[in-house]
Each structure stands twice: as structure tokens, then as C-alpha cells.
Amino acid sequence: MNVKEAPIDNRQEHLDLLCFPTLFPTGQYGEHHPRQSYPAQTLSFSEYMKSRLLNKDYRFRRNHSYCLDYYGLKINKALKTGIYNLLKTSRGNFGQTVAEILEKINVLDEEFEGNLSAMLAPIRGTNQYWFRVKGEVKAMIAEYGSPTLFLTLSCAEYDSADIAQYLRKDFFNIVILQRGVLGKVEEYYVKKEYQMRGAPHYHILLWIENAPVVGIDHPEEVCSFIQDRITCHIPDNQYEIVFASMM
């Protein structure tokens, strides 16, 4: 059968089973497979994807097409939700036809365009999303003042048997927050990025309790605070051993 002559309907319920037969060789246990649980409950889309990607069976997270397909579905679901909410809540949109809405888009209706921009805020990577993130950081600076430290955490990509445990949030929560190696953290803001080769790293703004402020406290206090927490030294004879297992 020619696939072009009989395309798969992307609205059917078991689309994942048809598109990824190598991941579902029995044709069962896809997203919409009936599941028995007590008490009876249904997995949300996000819960299902999280269970697939974090499962001990790594086939799903190693299949790039599968991950990309579901990422696209996630964005489409967010867009559909945003469009529905926009049409239900925005003034003058209730009861309008598709033709009338398209006309607003074509004539560049400013109010309608502003509503569309707000709709895109939940979509990661869009200008509206980063505008919201910038607003959150500005609000924290207005409330707590300038952050004390800018911290970047990157993990060792090779020769590290403990890399899995350090990729978890526990590392930041235990080492940075609870142990207070940089001081007692009052507030923080985290931005996660992925390098081109797929390794994650984190950019973090930290507000440290009772930290001296540049321009307000004595320069000697500021220098002492920095020297106590930021070090740079020549590696010792054990450098190679440390480097092989460092974060």
C-alpha cells in the first residue's frame, strides 16, 4: 500500500502505536491504553510522558523521533488550550466565526494581536515566554535586591559513575541549600539549558542571607565575602584523579 495514498489520521486515539511499532511491538500499552489502578484514575498527558522518559526501560527516551513527536504534541496541546481560553475570555471573541477571526489577523487588530501574544507565553522558547521569565527575575530583584551570586553548574559528561545521582535536583537542594556551602540561600532562580551535545547545565541566581552589598558595605567586607566562597588554585599532584571524577 502506498502510504501517500492512505495517510494516517493524526486524530485517532492510538496514533503512537501505529507510528512507533518498534516501541510497541504488541500494539498495546500506548498513551490511551486502559489502565487499572486503585483508586481508579487516568494519567494526564504530562504524567504519561514523564513515566515513559524516566522509566528504567530506556527505549523511549533514546528514540529521538518519539521524543520529538511528543514534544510537538505538547506544544500543540498548549496552543489549543490557549486558543480556547482566548476565544472564551477575550472581549468580543465569543460567538465569532473563523472568517471573522482571520479578518482580525489580516488587518493586524492590535488588541487581538496582544491577546495572541499572551497566549504564547506558556510555550517555551517563544519571545512571549522569555518576556514572562524576564518579568519574574525583575520582580525578584525589586523584592530582594540584586542577586548575590551568579552560579553555573555543569556535570562531568564522561568517566563519572555518579553522574546520574548528581543530575537530580537533590544535588542543588542538599549541597547548595541545606549545607549552605555558599551561605544560607534566601531565594534563588534557576534556568536550565542543554548544550549542543545534549549535556544539561544550570544558570542560577542566588540571594545569600546577610551578604554584603557592593556600594553600601565596606569594600573589605565584600572582598572577604568573595574570598571565602570563590577559590582558584594550582592543581596538586592528585589533579588527574580529582579531574576524572569531578562535577
Protein backbone atom coordinates (compact mmCIF):
# COMPACT_ATOMS: atom_id res chain seq x y z
CA MET A 1 0.00 0.00 0.00
CA ASN A 2 1.25 3.44 -0.87
CA VAL A 3 1.44 5.48 2.32
CA LYS A 4 0.86 8.73 0.44
CA GLU A 5 -2.47 7.41 -0.81
CA ALA A 6 -3.58 6.28 2.65
CA PRO A 7 -2.16 8.68 5.23
CA ILE A 8 -2.70 8.02 8.92
CA ASP A 9 -5.34 10.18 10.54
CA ASN A 10 -3.42 12.08 13.22
CA ARG A 11 -6.59 12.47 15.29
CA GLN A 12 -7.08 8.80 16.01
CA GLU A 13 -6.62 7.62 19.56
CA HIS A 14 -3.85 5.04 19.14
CA LEU A 15 -1.60 7.05 16.86
CA ASP A 16 1.54 6.29 18.89
CA LEU A 17 1.08 2.53 18.40
CA LEU A 18 0.88 2.94 14.62
CA CYS A 19 3.76 5.40 14.28
CA PHE A 20 6.23 3.57 16.53
CA PRO A 21 5.74 -0.19 16.07
CA THR A 22 9.28 -0.93 17.29
CA LEU A 23 8.46 0.67 20.65
CA PHE A 24 5.07 -1.05 20.88
CA PRO A 25 5.65 -4.44 19.18
CA THR A 26 2.46 -5.94 20.68
CA GLY A 27 0.32 -2.99 19.64
CA GLN A 28 -0.64 -2.31 23.26
CA TYR A 29 0.21 -0.07 26.23
CA GLY A 30 0.21 3.24 24.43
CA GLU A 31 -0.92 6.57 25.80
CA HIS A 32 -4.63 5.67 25.73
CA HIS A 33 -4.36 2.06 26.86
CA PRO A 34 -6.94 1.32 29.62
CA ARG A 35 -5.12 1.09 32.95
CA GLN A 36 -6.38 -0.44 36.15
CA SER A 37 -5.48 1.29 39.37
CA TYR A 38 -6.91 1.72 42.85
CA PRO A 39 -8.41 4.18 43.25
CA ALA A 40 -9.27 4.41 39.56
CA GLN A 41 -7.60 7.36 37.91
CA THR A 42 -6.41 8.46 34.49
CA LEU A 43 -2.88 9.55 33.70
CA SER A 44 -2.56 13.07 32.37
CA PHE A 45 -0.55 13.70 29.21
CA SER A 46 2.38 15.09 31.21
CA GLU A 47 2.32 12.21 33.70
CA TYR A 48 2.34 9.65 30.90
CA MET A 49 5.28 11.27 29.12
CA LYS A 50 7.23 11.61 32.36
CA SER A 51 6.71 7.92 33.11
CA ARG A 52 7.96 6.98 29.63
CA LEU A 53 11.06 9.18 29.65
CA LEU A 54 12.10 8.34 33.22
CA ASN A 55 11.30 4.64 33.00
CA LYS A 56 14.01 2.05 33.60
CA ASP A 57 13.33 0.85 30.04
CA TYR A 58 15.37 3.42 28.10
CA ARG A 59 13.99 2.63 24.61
CA PHE A 60 11.57 5.55 24.64
CA ARG A 61 13.96 8.31 25.72
CA ARG A 62 16.60 7.08 23.27
CA ASN A 63 14.23 7.25 20.32
CA HIS A 64 14.68 10.82 19.07
CA SER A 65 11.68 10.66 16.74
CA TYR A 66 9.43 9.57 19.59
CA CYS A 67 10.66 12.36 21.88
CA LEU A 68 10.34 14.99 19.15
CA ASP A 69 6.85 13.82 18.20
CA TYR A 70 5.58 14.08 21.76
CA TYR A 71 7.26 17.42 22.27
CA GLY A 72 5.31 18.64 19.24
CA LEU A 73 2.11 17.22 20.72
CA LYS A 74 2.82 19.03 23.99
CA ILE A 75 3.17 22.35 22.17
CA ASN A 76 0.03 21.73 20.11
CA LYS A 77 -1.98 20.92 23.24
CA ALA A 78 -0.77 24.11 24.91
CA LEU A 79 -1.66 26.15 21.82
CA LYS A 80 -5.13 24.62 21.59
CA THR A 81 -5.75 25.35 25.26
CA GLY A 82 -4.54 28.91 24.81
CA ILE A 83 -6.71 29.46 21.75
CA TYR A 84 -9.78 28.08 23.53
CA ASN A 85 -9.22 30.27 26.59
CA LEU A 86 -8.58 33.29 24.37
CA LEU A 87 -11.82 32.85 22.46
CA LYS A 88 -13.81 32.27 25.65
CA THR A 89 -12.42 35.10 27.76
CA SER A 90 -11.33 37.88 25.40
CA ARG A 91 -13.81 40.66 24.84
CA GLY A 92 -15.71 40.44 21.58
CA ASN A 93 -14.45 37.00 20.56
CA PHE A 94 -17.33 34.88 21.85
CA GLY A 95 -19.57 33.65 19.07
CA GLN A 96 -17.32 34.83 16.23
CA THR A 97 -16.76 32.72 13.17
CA VAL A 98 -13.38 31.56 11.90
CA ALA A 99 -13.66 34.01 8.99
CA GLU A 100 -14.17 36.93 11.37
CA ILE A 101 -11.15 35.95 13.46
CA LEU A 102 -8.99 35.55 10.35
CA GLU A 103 -10.07 39.02 9.28
CA LYS A 104 -8.79 40.43 12.58
CA ILE A 105 -5.46 38.75 11.99
CA ASN A 106 -5.22 40.05 8.41
CA VAL A 107 -5.95 43.66 9.38
CA LEU A 108 -3.48 43.47 12.30
CA ASP A 109 -6.01 44.20 15.02
CA GLU A 110 -3.77 45.42 17.89
CA GLU A 111 -5.96 44.18 20.74
CA PHE A 112 -6.40 40.76 19.18
CA GLU A 113 -2.66 40.55 18.42
CA GLY A 114 -1.89 41.36 22.05
CA ASN A 115 -4.16 38.54 23.17
CA LEU A 116 -2.40 36.15 20.82
CA SER A 117 0.97 37.18 22.28
CA ALA A 118 -0.28 36.44 25.80
CA MET A 119 -1.48 33.06 24.58
CA LEU A 120 2.08 32.08 23.56
CA ALA A 121 3.59 32.80 26.99
CA PRO A 122 3.38 29.15 28.19
CA ILE A 123 5.25 27.91 25.08
CA ARG A 124 8.94 27.55 25.94
CA GLY A 125 11.33 29.33 23.61
CA THR A 126 8.91 31.95 22.31
CA ASN A 127 9.57 35.66 22.77
CA GLN A 128 6.49 35.88 24.98
CA TYR A 129 7.81 33.08 27.21
CA TRP A 130 11.16 34.81 27.75
CA PHE A 131 9.38 38.11 28.32
CA ARG A 132 7.50 36.47 31.19
CA VAL A 133 10.71 34.94 32.58
CA LYS A 134 12.42 38.33 32.45
CA GLY A 135 9.49 39.80 34.33
CA GLU A 136 9.80 37.16 37.06
CA VAL A 137 13.51 37.92 37.53
CA LYS A 138 12.85 41.68 37.61
CA ALA A 139 10.16 41.14 40.24
CA MET A 140 12.58 39.16 42.42
CA ILE A 141 15.24 41.87 42.08
CA ALA A 142 12.69 44.52 43.03
CA GLU A 143 11.69 42.49 46.10
CA TYR A 144 15.05 41.12 47.30
CA GLY A 145 17.59 43.42 45.68
CA SER A 146 20.38 42.42 43.29
CA PRO A 147 21.35 38.74 43.50
CA THR A 148 24.48 37.96 45.49
CA LEU A 149 25.99 35.31 43.23
CA PHE A 150 25.61 34.04 39.67
CA LEU A 151 26.32 30.30 39.71
CA THR A 152 26.73 27.90 36.79
CA LEU A 153 26.64 24.13 37.37
CA SER A 154 27.78 21.66 34.71
CA CYS A 155 28.17 17.92 35.12
CA ALA A 156 31.01 15.69 34.00
CA GLU A 157 29.98 14.02 30.75
CA TYR A 158 32.44 11.14 30.78
CA ASP A 159 34.25 8.86 33.26
CA SER A 160 31.80 9.57 36.07
CA ALA A 161 30.00 6.65 37.68
CA ASP A 162 27.94 9.01 39.86
CA ILE A 163 26.65 11.29 37.09
CA ALA A 164 23.06 10.00 37.34
CA GLN A 165 22.62 10.91 41.00
CA TYR A 166 24.12 14.37 40.53
CA LEU A 167 21.77 15.14 37.67
CA ARG A 168 18.91 15.06 40.15
CA LYS A 169 17.59 18.09 41.96
CA ASP A 170 18.88 16.58 45.20
CA PHE A 171 22.38 17.88 44.46
CA PHE A 172 21.24 21.50 44.43
CA ASN A 173 18.81 21.05 47.32
CA ILE A 174 21.28 19.27 49.61
CA VAL A 175 24.65 20.80 48.76
CA ILE A 176 23.69 24.39 47.95
CA LEU A 177 20.54 24.95 50.01
CA GLN A 178 20.81 22.70 53.08
CA ARG A 179 24.57 22.59 53.64
CA GLY A 180 24.93 26.24 52.78
CA VAL A 181 28.41 25.98 51.25
CA LEU A 182 27.93 29.47 49.80
CA GLY A 183 25.96 30.80 52.77
CA LYS A 184 22.30 30.50 53.69
CA VAL A 185 20.27 30.86 50.49
CA GLU A 186 17.19 33.04 50.95
CA GLU A 187 15.94 32.94 47.36
CA TYR A 188 17.11 31.54 44.03
CA TYR A 189 16.15 31.45 40.36
CA VAL A 190 17.22 28.59 38.08
CA LYS A 191 17.48 28.43 34.29
CA LYS A 192 18.27 25.05 32.73
CA GLU A 193 19.95 24.80 29.33
CA TYR A 194 21.12 21.96 27.12
CA GLN A 195 24.38 22.20 25.22
CA MET A 196 24.57 21.19 21.56
CA ARG A 197 25.76 17.70 22.51
CA GLY A 198 22.88 17.26 24.94
CA ALA A 199 24.58 17.82 28.30
CA PRO A 200 22.48 19.90 30.73
CA HIS A 201 23.83 22.79 32.74
CA TYR A 202 22.23 25.34 35.03
CA HIS A 203 22.49 29.11 35.42
CA ILE A 204 21.42 30.15 38.92
CA LEU A 205 20.88 33.48 40.66
CA LEU A 206 21.42 33.24 44.43
CA TRP A 207 20.35 35.65 47.14
CA ILE A 208 22.55 34.94 50.21
CA GLU A 209 21.41 35.93 53.69
CA ASN A 210 23.40 38.80 55.30
CA ALA A 211 25.68 39.11 52.26
CA PRO A 212 27.50 42.47 51.91
CA VAL A 213 26.23 44.73 49.14
CA VAL A 214 28.58 46.48 46.72
CA GLY A 215 28.32 50.24 47.10
CA ILE A 216 26.72 50.03 50.55
CA ASP A 217 29.02 47.93 52.73
CA HIS A 218 32.77 48.43 53.12
CA PRO A 219 34.86 47.11 50.20
CA GLU A 220 36.87 44.99 52.66
CA GLU A 221 33.71 43.13 53.68
CA VAL A 222 32.79 42.48 50.07
CA CYS A 223 36.30 41.20 49.25
CA SER A 224 36.33 38.96 52.33
CA PHE A 225 32.93 37.51 51.39
CA ILE A 226 34.16 36.71 47.89
CA GLN A 227 37.47 35.21 49.04
CA ASP A 228 35.70 32.89 51.48
CA ARG A 229 33.49 31.40 48.77
CA ILE A 230 35.33 31.64 45.46
CA THR A 231 38.73 29.98 45.14
CA CYS A 232 41.25 29.46 42.38
CA HIS A 233 44.45 27.47 42.86
CA ILE A 234 47.07 25.44 41.02
CA PRO A 235 46.13 21.72 40.95
CA ASP A 236 48.15 19.45 43.22
CA ASN A 237 49.65 16.06 42.46
CA GLN A 238 46.25 14.39 42.73
CA TYR A 239 44.82 16.61 39.98
CA GLU A 240 44.31 13.84 37.44
CA ILE A 241 42.41 11.68 39.94
CA VAL A 242 40.20 14.57 41.00
CA PHE A 243 39.59 15.74 37.44
CA ALA A 244 38.47 12.27 36.33
CA SER A 245 35.58 12.22 38.81
CA MET A 246 34.78 15.89 39.33
CA MET A 247 31.43 17.53 38.65
